[in-house]
Amino acid sequence: MKKLILILTASLLSSSVWSQESDVIETNIALPKLSYLDSLKATFINHNTSNCIDERWMAELSNDEIFQEMLSDVMTTNIDSLVTYDLSTDVLKSRLAKLDAKSPFNVEYTPGLENLIKTFLKKRKTSFERLMAISEYYFPMFEEHLAKYNVPLEIKYLAIVESALNPKAKSRVGATGLWQFMYPTGKQFNLEVNSYVDERYDPLKATEAACQYLSSLYTIFGDWSLVLASYNAGPGNVSKAIRRSGGSQNYWNIRRNLPQETANYVPAFLATLYIYEYTKEHGLQPKKAPMTYFETDTIAVKKRITFQQVSELLDIPVSQIEFLNPIYKLNVVPFDVAKPHYLRLPKNKIGLFVSNEEKVYAYVDYQENLKEKPYHSSIVATVSNSDSQSTVVYHKIRSGESLGLIASKYKTTISSLRKWNNIKGNNIQAGKTLKVYGASAPVVQNTPKASNSGYYTVKSGDSLFSIARQFPGVSVENLKKWNDISGDAIQPGMKLKTNG
């Protein structure tokens, strides 16, 4: 008998333990409620898309290190100082002569150019290997625009000297972007700069502007080496250098009369041209670019949208959006009816955006409505209620306001206000916000709603404050005194004196 009791007890304990474990398991597998964002994205068409910009590749494209190296070399290298490197002068002369024969530039041998080429090969070989990978990303786009303006394709190497192909590059004097535009020159070629936008950072628009600028400089000087010098120093400085050199039109003959930075600028361009053309001969091993600029695309935004919102909706890191859209200074794409603004994304993300555009902007509206609204203001937004698309006004309740007063302001009814805001009685609290659907602009009372015949009949939803407002010069204290009211309570149907 004792043995049977022990077996039953063990069985009960086992059952109890299993029951508790079962409860724990059920508790652990309970699914959390989906957020609005998750619910929205679950309805996206073609939702499962991958990022097409590798994080390491993006970091390389936006690396500032090579830009600083190039800037230092152009600014500080003494190209007249002898450099030792395993490259014979005769071989170099022969190669430069071949480049000169097929190029519109004066690719002439000088000891200074030899020293700079050897400096780059000796100190910056790894940097050039990295640049050659990055250039695969930008060069197809550069070449398309250069050809459009009949500018030599070799000019693409100018962006390496200017910015080391860093779209966020900024010099000590404020030159900005891939093509290093100063503010006045950028404005001259229609690059917009304001609190939200700096189009000097936009690779496409800046390249277009650079082609226009270079073409205009060629009409002045008629020599591409002088065009390069004037792009850096300004046409005025080059014209002065020509006059000071006795009217010489050869860059190497006017070089001594140019600013120090420009004196190294054209040699740096020619040295870069040489290294790119003779990559294999010098054992450089550039990596292949995993994607090009043409594998991205743009879409015009229809509402102001933040990078964070795009990131949340399309599952793309903010850092990638920043890289592809360096034009936007505040990580916000503004909306302007008069001038469209564009968002650049990998092509597969553009497809996702376009396929779900209405839902994207619904999420933007949803987040906008969550923001705290200014006191004394009513913000109108478009929302979807159970019946139809309509406007909704968010009204912040002020001290002394009643449902009746608010209803009259927005030309609606008290029962509607109760329904929209889940209010059962007439009590409302100052500081809270009410939703008003399908509302017109609030009615501003500049004249009394009722003529001051001496009496006013209290209606449902009225308060002493709302009644006093309808009669100029009448205060709540006046109403209390004239009607022998000690508190604030009034009842519908009461007749109140409205003058003494």
Protein backbone atom coordinates (compact mmCIF):
# COMPACT_ATOMS: atom_id res chain seq x y z
CA MET A 1 0.00 0.00 0.00
CA LYS A 2 2.85 2.37 0.91
CA LYS A 3 4.49 1.55 -2.42
CA LEU A 4 1.27 2.45 -4.28
CA ILE A 5 1.03 5.79 -2.41
CA LEU A 6 4.65 6.59 -3.30
CA ILE A 7 3.97 5.83 -6.98
CA LEU A 8 0.85 8.00 -7.02
CA THR A 9 2.67 10.85 -5.26
CA ALA A 10 5.54 10.69 -7.73
CA SER A 11 3.08 10.64 -10.58
CA LEU A 12 1.28 13.71 -9.26
CA LEU A 13 4.55 15.56 -8.70
CA SER A 14 5.67 14.66 -12.20
CA SER A 15 2.38 15.85 -13.61
CA SER A 16 2.68 19.11 -11.66
CA VAL A 17 6.21 19.70 -12.84
CA TRP A 18 5.27 18.97 -16.43
CA SER A 19 2.32 21.34 -16.14
CA GLN A 20 4.61 24.11 -14.86
CA GLU A 21 7.14 23.44 -17.63
CA SER A 22 4.31 23.51 -20.14
CA ASP A 23 3.19 26.89 -18.80
CA VAL A 24 6.73 28.24 -19.11
CA ILE A 25 7.04 27.01 -22.67
CA GLU A 26 3.73 28.59 -23.64
CA THR A 27 4.77 31.86 -22.04
CA ASN A 28 8.11 31.88 -23.86
CA ILE A 29 6.65 31.30 -27.31
CA ALA A 30 4.03 34.05 -27.03
CA LEU A 31 4.61 36.35 -30.01
CA PRO A 32 5.02 40.09 -29.46
CA LYS A 33 2.55 42.45 -31.08
CA LEU A 34 3.79 43.80 -34.37
CA SER A 35 4.66 47.49 -34.51
CA TYR A 36 3.04 49.72 -37.12
CA LEU A 37 6.32 49.64 -39.09
CA ASP A 38 6.53 45.83 -39.03
CA SER A 39 2.87 45.49 -39.99
CA LEU A 40 3.34 47.91 -42.88
CA LYS A 41 6.49 46.21 -44.17
CA ALA A 42 4.76 42.82 -44.02
CA THR A 43 2.48 44.08 -46.81
CA PHE A 44 5.34 45.35 -49.01
CA ILE A 45 5.57 44.05 -52.55
CA ASN A 46 8.95 42.34 -53.18
CA HIS A 47 9.97 42.95 -49.57
CA ASN A 48 12.92 40.55 -49.38
CA THR A 49 15.73 42.41 -51.13
CA SER A 50 19.39 42.47 -50.17
CA ASN A 51 21.77 45.40 -49.86
CA CYS A 52 23.99 45.71 -52.91
CA ILE A 53 26.66 47.92 -51.37
CA ASP A 54 29.09 45.93 -49.29
CA GLU A 55 29.95 47.72 -46.03
CA ARG A 56 33.69 47.38 -46.58
CA TRP A 57 33.36 48.71 -50.12
CA MET A 58 31.30 51.66 -48.94
CA ALA A 59 33.92 52.46 -46.30
CA GLU A 60 36.58 52.47 -49.01
CA LEU A 61 34.53 54.76 -51.24
CA SER A 62 34.14 57.31 -48.45
CA ASN A 63 37.66 57.03 -46.98
CA ASP A 64 39.26 60.43 -46.34
CA GLU A 65 42.81 59.12 -45.88
CA ILE A 66 43.79 59.08 -49.58
CA PHE A 67 42.38 62.58 -50.11
CA GLN A 68 44.56 63.94 -47.32
CA GLU A 69 47.61 62.17 -48.80
CA MET A 70 46.97 63.61 -52.28
CA LEU A 71 46.34 67.08 -50.86
CA SER A 72 49.61 66.93 -48.93
CA ASP A 73 51.58 65.77 -51.97
CA VAL A 74 50.20 68.55 -54.18
CA MET A 75 50.67 71.23 -51.53
CA THR A 76 54.09 70.35 -50.10
CA THR A 77 56.14 68.17 -52.47
CA ASN A 78 59.21 69.87 -53.90
CA ILE A 79 59.23 68.37 -57.38
CA ASP A 80 62.61 69.88 -58.09
CA SER A 81 64.14 67.67 -55.41
CA LEU A 82 65.78 64.52 -56.84
CA VAL A 83 63.99 61.22 -56.08
CA THR A 84 65.62 57.80 -56.42
CA TYR A 85 63.43 55.02 -57.82
CA ASP A 86 63.99 52.12 -60.22
CA LEU A 87 62.72 53.85 -63.38
CA SER A 88 65.18 54.99 -66.02
CA THR A 89 64.83 58.46 -67.46
CA ASP A 90 65.05 57.15 -71.03
CA VAL A 91 62.20 54.68 -70.50
CA LEU A 92 60.10 57.41 -68.91
CA LYS A 93 60.78 59.82 -71.78
CA SER A 94 59.71 57.18 -74.29
CA ARG A 95 56.46 56.46 -72.45
CA LEU A 96 55.62 60.14 -72.00
CA ALA A 97 56.20 60.71 -75.71
CA LYS A 98 53.65 57.98 -76.51
CA LEU A 99 51.12 59.58 -74.16
CA ASP A 100 51.74 62.98 -75.72
CA ALA A 101 51.09 61.59 -79.20
CA LYS A 102 47.60 60.33 -78.31
CA SER A 103 46.57 63.02 -75.82
CA PRO A 104 45.38 66.64 -76.25
CA PHE A 105 47.57 67.53 -73.27
CA ASN A 106 51.21 68.60 -73.51
CA VAL A 107 52.70 65.51 -71.87
CA GLU A 108 56.31 66.67 -72.07
CA TYR A 109 59.20 65.24 -70.10
CA THR A 110 60.65 67.50 -67.40
CA PRO A 111 62.84 66.59 -64.42
CA GLY A 112 60.07 67.90 -62.14
CA LEU A 113 57.49 65.55 -63.66
CA GLU A 114 59.95 62.65 -63.36
CA ASN A 115 60.48 63.40 -59.66
CA LEU A 116 56.73 63.54 -58.96
CA ILE A 117 56.03 60.27 -60.82
CA LYS A 118 58.77 58.57 -58.81
CA THR A 119 57.41 60.10 -55.58
CA PHE A 120 53.94 58.68 -56.26
CA LEU A 121 55.32 55.23 -57.15
CA LYS A 122 57.61 55.19 -54.14
CA LYS A 123 55.22 56.53 -51.49
CA ARG A 124 51.68 56.01 -52.80
CA LYS A 125 51.63 52.71 -54.67
CA THR A 126 49.05 51.15 -52.33
CA SER A 127 46.95 54.31 -52.44
CA PHE A 128 46.87 54.21 -56.25
CA GLU A 129 45.80 50.56 -56.18
CA ARG A 130 42.88 51.58 -53.97
CA LEU A 131 42.10 54.60 -56.18
CA MET A 132 41.99 52.39 -59.27
CA ALA A 133 39.24 50.30 -57.69
CA ILE A 134 37.29 53.40 -56.63
CA SER A 135 37.71 54.94 -60.09
CA GLU A 136 35.83 51.96 -61.59
CA TYR A 137 32.85 53.12 -59.55
CA TYR A 138 32.91 56.74 -60.87
CA PHE A 139 34.74 56.75 -64.22
CA PRO A 140 31.88 55.36 -66.39
CA MET A 141 29.67 58.23 -65.21
CA PHE A 142 32.50 60.79 -65.68
CA GLU A 143 33.20 59.59 -69.22
CA GLU A 144 29.54 59.86 -70.22
CA HIS A 145 29.42 63.54 -69.20
CA LEU A 146 32.87 64.42 -70.56
CA ALA A 147 31.91 63.02 -73.95
CA LYS A 148 28.65 64.99 -73.87
CA TYR A 149 30.59 68.27 -73.57
CA ASN A 150 33.42 67.19 -75.89
CA VAL A 151 35.94 67.39 -73.04
CA PRO A 152 38.97 65.02 -73.22
CA LEU A 153 38.26 61.78 -71.37
CA GLU A 154 41.63 62.10 -69.62
CA ILE A 155 40.05 64.87 -67.54
CA LYS A 156 38.55 62.09 -65.41
CA TYR A 157 41.97 61.86 -63.71
CA LEU A 158 41.50 65.45 -62.56
CA ALA A 159 38.99 64.27 -59.93
CA ILE A 160 41.72 62.06 -58.44
CA VAL A 161 44.03 65.06 -57.98
CA GLU A 162 41.16 67.24 -56.75
CA SER A 163 39.48 64.94 -54.23
CA ALA A 164 40.99 61.43 -54.47
CA LEU A 165 37.44 60.50 -55.58
CA ASN A 166 35.96 61.28 -52.17
CA PRO A 167 32.52 62.91 -52.66
CA LYS A 168 32.66 64.42 -49.14
CA ALA A 169 36.16 65.91 -49.57
CA LYS A 170 36.56 69.47 -48.30
CA SER A 171 39.73 71.53 -48.55
CA ARG A 172 41.05 74.00 -45.99
CA VAL A 173 39.66 76.91 -48.07
CA GLY A 174 36.18 75.38 -48.47
CA ALA A 175 36.43 73.71 -51.89
CA THR A 176 33.93 70.85 -51.75
CA GLY A 177 33.06 67.51 -53.35
CA LEU A 178 34.55 65.30 -56.07
CA TRP A 179 35.37 68.32 -58.23
CA GLN A 180 36.22 70.70 -55.36
CA PHE A 181 33.90 73.57 -56.19
CA MET A 182 34.18 76.79 -54.25
CA TYR A 183 30.84 78.31 -53.25
CA PRO A 184 30.77 81.17 -55.85
CA THR A 185 31.81 78.89 -58.73
CA GLY A 186 29.23 76.30 -57.71
CA LYS A 187 26.49 78.95 -57.69
CA GLN A 188 27.72 80.20 -61.08
CA PHE A 189 27.04 76.75 -62.51
CA ASN A 190 23.66 76.32 -60.79
CA LEU A 191 24.73 74.12 -57.89
CA GLU A 192 22.21 74.79 -55.11
CA VAL A 193 23.57 75.45 -51.62
CA ASN A 194 21.21 76.14 -48.68
CA SER A 195 20.53 74.92 -45.15
CA TYR A 196 19.32 71.49 -46.34
CA VAL A 197 21.20 70.96 -49.59
CA ASP A 198 24.73 71.34 -50.97
CA GLU A 199 24.79 70.12 -54.56
CA ARG A 200 28.58 70.47 -54.74
CA TYR A 201 28.60 67.11 -52.94
CA ASP A 202 26.36 65.46 -55.56
CA PRO A 203 28.58 63.38 -57.91
CA LEU A 204 26.22 63.65 -60.89
CA LYS A 205 25.38 67.35 -60.64
CA ALA A 206 28.93 68.35 -59.73
CA THR A 207 30.30 66.38 -62.71
CA GLU A 208 27.86 68.15 -65.02
CA ALA A 209 28.92 71.52 -63.61
CA ALA A 210 32.63 70.62 -63.89
CA CYS A 211 32.21 69.74 -67.58
CA GLN A 212 30.48 73.07 -68.22
CA TYR A 213 33.19 74.96 -66.36
CA LEU A 214 36.05 73.18 -68.14
CA SER A 215 34.43 73.82 -71.53
CA SER A 216 34.08 77.51 -70.74
CA LEU A 217 37.75 77.69 -69.69
CA TYR A 218 38.85 76.05 -72.93
CA THR A 219 37.07 78.76 -74.93
CA ILE A 220 39.26 81.27 -73.05
CA PHE A 221 42.69 79.58 -73.20
CA GLY A 222 42.47 77.04 -76.02
CA ASP A 223 44.99 74.79 -74.24
CA TRP A 224 44.00 71.96 -71.91
CA SER A 225 47.07 72.27 -69.66
CA LEU A 226 46.21 75.95 -69.09
CA VAL A 227 42.59 74.91 -68.52
CA LEU A 228 43.75 72.61 -65.71
CA ALA A 229 45.84 75.38 -64.17
CA SER A 230 42.95 77.86 -64.34
CA TYR A 231 40.52 75.27 -62.88
CA ASN A 232 42.73 75.20 -59.79
CA ALA A 233 44.01 78.78 -59.54
CA GLY A 234 41.26 80.64 -61.39
CA PRO A 235 41.50 82.13 -64.90
CA GLY A 236 42.61 85.48 -63.48
CA ASN A 237 45.76 84.03 -61.87
CA VAL A 238 46.66 82.12 -65.03
CA SER A 239 46.22 85.26 -67.15
CA LYS A 240 48.56 87.14 -64.77
CA ALA A 241 51.13 84.32 -64.96
CA ILE A 242 51.01 84.49 -68.78
CA ARG A 243 51.61 88.26 -68.74
CA ARG A 244 54.45 87.92 -66.20
CA SER A 245 56.03 85.25 -68.38
CA GLY A 246 56.18 87.52 -71.41
CA GLY A 247 53.06 86.14 -73.05
CA SER A 248 54.14 82.45 -73.01
CA GLN A 249 51.30 79.97 -73.57
CA ASN A 250 53.17 76.86 -72.35
CA TYR A 251 52.30 75.70 -68.82
CA TRP A 252 55.89 74.78 -67.96
CA ASN A 253 57.08 78.25 -68.95
CA ILE A 254 54.51 80.06 -66.78
CA ARG A 255 54.68 77.61 -63.86
CA ARG A 256 57.12 79.72 -61.83
CA ASN A 257 54.59 82.59 -61.82
CA LEU A 258 51.65 80.48 -60.57
CA PRO A 259 50.61 79.96 -56.93
CA GLN A 260 52.55 77.16 -55.18
CA GLU A 261 49.60 74.73 -55.13
CA THR A 262 48.97 75.20 -58.85
CA ALA A 263 52.68 74.81 -59.60
CA ASN A 264 52.35 71.15 -58.52
CA TYR A 265 48.78 70.69 -59.72
CA VAL A 266 49.28 70.01 -63.43
CA PRO A 267 52.34 67.78 -62.78
CA ALA A 268 50.21 65.79 -60.30
CA PHE A 269 47.55 65.34 -63.02
CA LEU A 270 50.14 64.21 -65.59
CA ALA A 271 51.82 61.87 -63.07
CA THR A 272 48.39 60.31 -62.33
CA LEU A 273 47.71 59.93 -66.06
CA TYR A 274 51.07 58.18 -66.50
CA ILE A 275 50.54 55.75 -63.57
CA TYR A 276 47.07 54.78 -64.79
CA GLU A 277 48.33 54.19 -68.32
CA TYR A 278 51.34 52.15 -67.18
CA THR A 279 49.79 50.26 -64.27
CA LYS A 280 51.00 46.79 -65.27
CA GLU A 281 54.53 47.98 -66.05
CA HIS A 282 54.90 49.14 -62.45
CA GLY A 283 53.33 46.07 -60.87
CA LEU A 284 50.23 47.77 -59.46
CA GLN A 285 47.44 45.32 -58.68
CA PRO A 286 44.16 47.19 -58.26
CA LYS A 287 41.14 45.39 -56.86
CA LYS A 288 37.97 45.19 -58.88
CA ALA A 289 35.07 47.41 -57.90
CA PRO A 290 32.07 45.30 -56.78
CA MET A 291 29.64 47.83 -58.26
CA THR A 292 29.54 51.08 -60.26
CA TYR A 293 27.71 54.37 -59.89
CA PHE A 294 25.34 53.26 -62.66
CA GLU A 295 24.06 50.47 -60.40
CA THR A 296 22.29 53.12 -58.35
CA ASP A 297 19.28 55.20 -59.36
CA THR A 298 17.16 58.09 -58.12
CA ILE A 299 13.54 58.79 -57.32
CA ALA A 300 11.91 62.19 -56.82
CA VAL A 301 10.42 62.44 -53.34
CA LYS A 302 6.81 63.51 -52.93
CA LYS A 303 7.11 64.43 -49.26
CA ARG A 304 9.87 65.43 -46.88
CA ILE A 305 11.52 62.19 -45.76
CA THR A 306 14.42 61.45 -43.41
CA PHE A 307 17.29 59.03 -43.97
CA GLN A 308 16.19 57.22 -40.79
CA GLN A 309 12.71 56.63 -42.21
CA VAL A 310 14.16 55.31 -45.50
CA SER A 311 16.48 53.05 -43.51
CA GLU A 312 13.64 51.62 -41.41
CA LEU A 313 11.36 51.04 -44.38
CA LEU A 314 13.85 49.63 -46.91
CA ASP A 315 16.29 47.85 -44.57
CA ILE A 316 19.33 49.80 -45.73
CA PRO A 317 21.84 51.30 -43.27
CA VAL A 318 21.73 55.07 -42.78
CA SER A 319 25.47 55.15 -43.52
CA GLN A 320 24.80 53.84 -47.05
CA ILE A 321 22.06 56.39 -47.63
CA GLU A 322 24.45 59.13 -46.43
CA PHE A 323 27.14 57.97 -48.84
CA LEU A 324 24.79 57.83 -51.83
CA ASN A 325 23.19 61.19 -50.93
CA PRO A 326 26.03 63.45 -49.72
CA ILE A 327 24.09 66.44 -51.04
CA TYR A 328 21.73 66.45 -48.01
CA LYS A 329 23.39 68.16 -45.04
CA LEU A 330 20.82 67.24 -42.37
CA ASN A 331 20.05 63.65 -43.44
CA VAL A 332 16.69 64.87 -44.69
CA VAL A 333 15.43 64.96 -48.28
CA PRO A 334 13.30 68.12 -48.44
CA PHE A 335 10.20 68.50 -50.58
CA ASP A 336 9.70 71.54 -52.79
CA VAL A 337 6.95 71.74 -55.41
CA ALA A 338 9.00 74.22 -57.47
CA LYS A 339 12.21 72.16 -57.50
CA PRO A 340 12.17 68.36 -57.17
CA HIS A 341 14.67 66.69 -54.84
CA TYR A 342 15.91 63.18 -55.48
CA LEU A 343 16.85 60.22 -53.31
CA ARG A 344 19.64 57.97 -54.66
CA LEU A 345 19.58 54.29 -53.71
CA PRO A 346 20.85 50.94 -55.04
CA LYS A 347 18.62 49.92 -57.94
CA ASN A 348 16.96 47.06 -56.08
CA LYS A 349 16.02 49.42 -53.24
CA ILE A 350 14.62 51.93 -55.74
CA GLY A 351 12.39 49.12 -57.03
CA LEU A 352 11.21 48.39 -53.49
CA PHE A 353 10.48 52.09 -52.89
CA VAL A 354 8.54 52.52 -56.14
CA SER A 355 6.49 49.33 -55.62
CA ASN A 356 5.38 50.48 -52.15
CA GLU A 357 5.38 54.26 -52.53
CA GLU A 358 1.96 54.89 -50.97
CA LYS A 359 2.89 52.81 -47.92
CA VAL A 360 6.24 54.63 -47.60
CA TYR A 361 4.49 58.00 -47.40
CA ALA A 362 1.80 56.61 -45.09
CA TYR A 363 4.60 55.77 -42.66
CA VAL A 364 6.04 59.28 -43.06
CA ASP A 365 2.60 60.72 -42.20
CA TYR A 366 2.24 58.33 -39.28
CA GLN A 367 5.54 59.48 -37.76
CA GLU A 368 4.72 63.13 -38.39
CA ASN A 369 1.47 62.76 -36.44
CA LEU A 370 3.39 61.37 -33.45
CA LYS A 371 5.34 64.60 -33.03
CA GLU A 372 4.35 66.96 -30.24
CA LYS A 373 2.48 69.90 -31.73
CA PRO A 374 3.09 73.54 -30.72
CA TYR A 375 0.77 75.04 -28.09
CA HIS A 376 -2.09 77.11 -29.54
CA SER A 377 -1.69 75.47 -32.94
CA SER A 378 -3.72 72.99 -34.91
CA ILE A 379 -1.74 70.78 -37.30
CA VAL A 380 -3.56 69.32 -40.29
CA ALA A 381 -2.48 65.95 -41.73
CA THR A 382 -3.97 63.28 -44.01
CA VAL A 383 -4.98 60.10 -42.21
CA SER A 384 -7.10 57.08 -42.93
CA ASN A 385 -10.11 56.45 -40.69
CA SER A 386 -12.50 53.53 -40.88
CA ASP A 387 -14.72 55.29 -43.40
CA SER A 388 -12.55 57.21 -45.82
CA GLN A 389 -9.50 59.40 -46.36
CA SER A 390 -10.08 62.76 -44.64
CA THR A 391 -8.24 65.55 -42.92
CA VAL A 392 -7.72 65.48 -39.19
CA VAL A 393 -6.98 68.46 -36.96
CA TYR A 394 -5.22 68.03 -33.63
CA HIS A 395 -6.56 70.61 -31.19
CA LYS A 396 -4.79 71.24 -27.89
CA ILE A 397 -7.35 72.04 -25.17
CA ARG A 398 -6.87 75.35 -23.39
CA SER A 399 -7.97 76.15 -19.88
CA GLY A 400 -11.68 77.00 -19.75
CA GLU A 401 -12.56 75.46 -23.13
CA SER A 402 -15.56 73.14 -23.43
CA LEU A 403 -16.62 70.55 -25.98
CA GLY A 404 -19.31 72.95 -27.16
CA LEU A 405 -16.84 75.76 -27.78
CA ILE A 406 -14.42 73.47 -29.63
CA ALA A 407 -17.22 71.96 -31.71
CA SER A 408 -18.38 75.42 -32.79
CA LYS A 409 -14.81 76.41 -33.69
CA TYR A 410 -14.51 73.53 -36.14
CA LYS A 411 -18.13 73.51 -37.32
CA THR A 412 -18.84 70.04 -35.97
CA THR A 413 -20.94 68.50 -33.20
CA ILE A 414 -20.22 67.58 -29.59
CA SER A 415 -21.32 63.98 -30.24
CA SER A 416 -18.76 63.72 -33.06
CA LEU A 417 -16.00 64.99 -30.78
CA ARG A 418 -17.02 62.41 -28.17
CA LYS A 419 -16.98 59.60 -30.75
CA TRP A 420 -13.61 60.52 -32.30
CA ASN A 421 -11.92 60.88 -28.91
CA ASN A 422 -13.70 58.16 -26.90
CA ILE A 423 -15.21 60.70 -24.47
CA LYS A 424 -18.31 59.62 -22.51
CA GLY A 425 -19.32 62.83 -20.74
CA ASN A 426 -18.54 66.52 -21.08
CA ASN A 427 -15.37 66.58 -19.00
CA ILE A 428 -12.16 67.46 -20.87
CA GLN A 429 -8.74 68.37 -19.49
CA ALA A 430 -6.60 71.37 -20.44
CA GLY A 431 -3.35 70.32 -22.15
CA LYS A 432 -4.83 67.19 -23.74
CA THR A 433 -5.24 66.88 -27.52
CA LEU A 434 -8.48 66.22 -29.41
CA LYS A 435 -8.81 64.79 -32.92
CA VAL A 436 -11.25 66.58 -35.21
CA TYR A 437 -11.97 64.79 -38.52
CA GLY A 438 -13.01 66.55 -41.74
CA ALA A 439 -12.58 69.90 -40.01
CA SER A 440 -12.54 73.32 -41.59
CA ALA A 441 -10.15 75.95 -40.28
CA PRO A 442 -11.11 77.05 -36.76
CA VAL A 443 -13.59 79.91 -36.61
CA VAL A 444 -12.07 83.02 -35.03
CA GLN A 445 -14.63 85.07 -33.19
CA ASN A 446 -13.95 88.76 -33.72
CA THR A 447 -17.54 89.70 -32.94
CA PRO A 448 -19.92 88.17 -30.37
CA LYS A 449 -21.88 85.13 -31.46
CA ALA A 450 -24.94 86.43 -29.58
CA SER A 451 -26.23 89.95 -29.31
CA ASN A 452 -25.95 91.26 -25.79
CA SER A 453 -29.64 91.59 -25.03
CA GLY A 454 -28.85 91.09 -21.35
CA TYR A 455 -29.41 87.33 -21.08
CA TYR A 456 -27.85 84.14 -22.44
CA THR A 457 -29.37 80.64 -22.36
CA VAL A 458 -26.79 78.01 -21.43
CA LYS A 459 -26.39 75.20 -23.97
CA SER A 460 -24.94 71.71 -23.51
CA GLY A 461 -21.13 71.88 -23.39
CA ASP A 462 -20.99 75.57 -22.46
CA SER A 463 -18.74 76.89 -19.71
CA LEU A 464 -18.54 80.30 -18.03
CA PHE A 465 -15.30 80.90 -19.92
CA SER A 466 -16.79 80.10 -23.34
CA ILE A 467 -19.84 82.27 -22.63
CA ALA A 468 -17.75 85.22 -21.43
CA ARG A 469 -15.67 85.11 -24.62
CA GLN A 470 -18.80 85.75 -26.69
CA PHE A 471 -19.44 89.13 -25.07
CA PRO A 472 -16.75 91.82 -25.36
CA GLY A 473 -15.76 93.28 -22.00
CA VAL A 474 -17.43 90.47 -20.03
CA SER A 475 -15.31 88.28 -17.75
CA VAL A 476 -16.00 85.04 -15.90
CA GLU A 477 -15.98 87.00 -12.63
CA ASN A 478 -18.63 89.37 -14.04
CA LEU A 479 -20.90 86.43 -14.90
CA LYS A 480 -20.45 84.94 -11.42
CA LYS A 481 -21.21 88.26 -9.72
CA TRP A 482 -24.25 89.16 -11.87
CA ASN A 483 -25.74 85.66 -11.53
CA ASP A 484 -24.78 84.96 -7.91
CA ILE A 485 -22.70 81.90 -8.85
CA SER A 486 -20.08 80.80 -6.34
CA GLY A 487 -18.36 78.02 -8.34
CA ASP A 488 -18.02 77.17 -12.01
CA ALA A 489 -20.98 74.80 -12.37
CA ILE A 490 -23.74 75.77 -14.80
CA GLN A 491 -26.56 73.70 -16.32
CA PRO A 492 -28.07 73.66 -19.82
CA GLY A 493 -31.25 75.78 -19.90
CA MET A 494 -30.04 78.30 -17.29
CA LYS A 495 -30.50 81.96 -18.21
CA LEU A 496 -27.50 84.11 -17.31
CA LYS A 497 -27.31 87.91 -17.09
CA THR A 498 -24.61 89.14 -19.49
CA ASN A 499 -24.45 92.75 -18.35
CA GLY A 500 -24.64 94.57 -15.08
